[in-house]
Amino acid sequence: MTTARKQTAFTRPLTPSTELAAVIGSAPQPRTEVVRLLWEYIKTNNLQNPTNRRNILCDAKLQAVMGKPEVTMFEMSGLVGKHLS
């Protein structure tokens, strides 16, 4: 017998803002999936700082989400949260 998983804040699908949708798509996604898709975008576009790989160098699309040209991976989660509803 399988039990249904409880819907938590991390697993509940959230709608991305227009700016975030330009990076990850417009479909509602749970926070965990949003972060995974962001990392996929960052790695595909080679946006990690080569001297300090914990920093992300924002291209035009990411800068619209993050609000500045470079962010740390720790800042990223908080900044992205503002673009989910």
Protein backbone atom coordinates (compact mmCIF):
# COMPACT_ATOMS: atom_id res chain seq x y z
CA MET A 1 0.00 0.00 0.00
CA THR A 2 1.38 3.40 -0.93
CA THR A 3 0.61 6.58 0.93
CA ALA A 4 0.20 9.97 -0.67
CA ARG A 5 3.04 12.37 0.04
CA LYS A 6 2.16 15.41 2.08
CA GLN A 7 2.36 18.67 0.13
CA THR A 8 5.00 20.90 1.73
CA ALA A 9 6.30 24.37 0.90
CA PHE A 10 9.14 22.76 -1.04
CA THR A 11 6.97 20.40 -3.07
CA ARG A 12 4.03 22.73 -3.80
CA PRO A 13 4.18 24.00 -7.41
CA LEU A 14 4.70 27.76 -7.60
CA THR A 15 4.24 30.04 -10.59
CA PRO A 16 7.42 31.85 -11.73
CA SER A 17 7.42 35.59 -12.46
CA THR A 18 7.82 36.75 -16.05
CA GLU A 19 11.56 37.36 -15.47
CA LEU A 20 12.12 33.91 -13.96
CA ALA A 21 9.96 32.25 -16.63
CA ALA A 22 12.39 33.59 -19.27
CA VAL A 23 15.07 31.39 -17.65
CA ILE A 24 13.21 28.24 -16.50
CA GLY A 25 9.92 28.28 -18.41
CA SER A 26 6.46 29.36 -17.33
CA ALA A 27 5.10 26.07 -15.96
CA PRO A 28 4.46 25.98 -12.19
CA GLN A 29 7.33 24.14 -10.45
CA PRO A 30 8.21 23.19 -6.86
CA ARG A 31 11.10 25.17 -5.34
CA THR A 32 13.45 22.20 -5.60
CA GLU A 33 12.82 21.92 -9.34
CA VAL A 34 13.23 25.69 -9.81
CA VAL A 35 16.70 25.54 -8.21
CA ARG A 36 17.61 22.50 -10.32
CA LEU A 37 16.51 24.26 -13.52
CA LEU A 38 18.45 27.39 -12.55
CA TRP A 39 21.63 25.36 -12.04
CA GLU A 40 21.05 23.64 -15.36
CA TYR A 41 20.80 27.09 -17.02
CA ILE A 42 23.90 28.36 -15.18
CA LYS A 43 26.02 25.36 -16.18
CA THR A 44 24.74 25.27 -19.77
CA ASN A 45 25.62 28.94 -20.24
CA ASN A 46 28.93 28.71 -18.32
CA LEU A 47 27.92 31.41 -15.81
CA GLN A 48 29.95 30.28 -12.80
CA ASN A 49 32.84 32.60 -11.93
CA PRO A 50 35.98 30.69 -13.03
CA THR A 51 38.07 31.94 -10.09
CA ASN A 52 35.36 31.44 -7.42
CA ARG A 53 32.87 28.79 -8.55
CA ARG A 54 30.50 29.68 -5.68
CA ASN A 55 29.65 32.91 -7.49
CA ILE A 56 27.31 33.17 -10.45
CA LEU A 57 27.93 35.75 -13.16
CA CYS A 58 24.49 36.87 -14.31
CA ASP A 59 23.70 37.29 -17.99
CA ALA A 60 20.85 39.65 -18.97
CA LYS A 61 18.11 37.08 -18.20
CA LEU A 62 19.53 36.14 -14.80
CA GLN A 63 20.25 39.75 -13.87
CA ALA A 64 16.54 40.52 -14.35
CA VAL A 65 15.84 37.87 -11.68
CA MET A 66 18.77 38.47 -9.31
CA GLY A 67 18.93 42.26 -9.58
CA LYS A 68 22.73 42.46 -9.80
CA PRO A 69 25.55 41.26 -12.07
CA GLU A 70 27.03 38.67 -9.67
CA VAL A 71 25.52 36.66 -6.80
CA THR A 72 26.71 33.87 -4.53
CA MET A 73 24.97 30.51 -4.70
CA PHE A 74 23.71 31.17 -1.16
CA GLU A 75 22.06 34.48 -2.13
CA MET A 76 20.46 32.90 -5.17
CA SER A 77 17.76 30.96 -3.28
CA GLY A 78 16.52 34.02 -1.41
CA LEU A 79 16.48 36.19 -4.52
CA VAL A 80 14.64 33.55 -6.56
CA GLY A 81 12.01 33.13 -3.84
CA LYS A 82 10.78 36.65 -4.55
CA HIS A 83 9.94 35.55 -8.10
CA LEU A 84 7.68 32.64 -7.09
CA SER A 85 4.02 32.89 -6.16
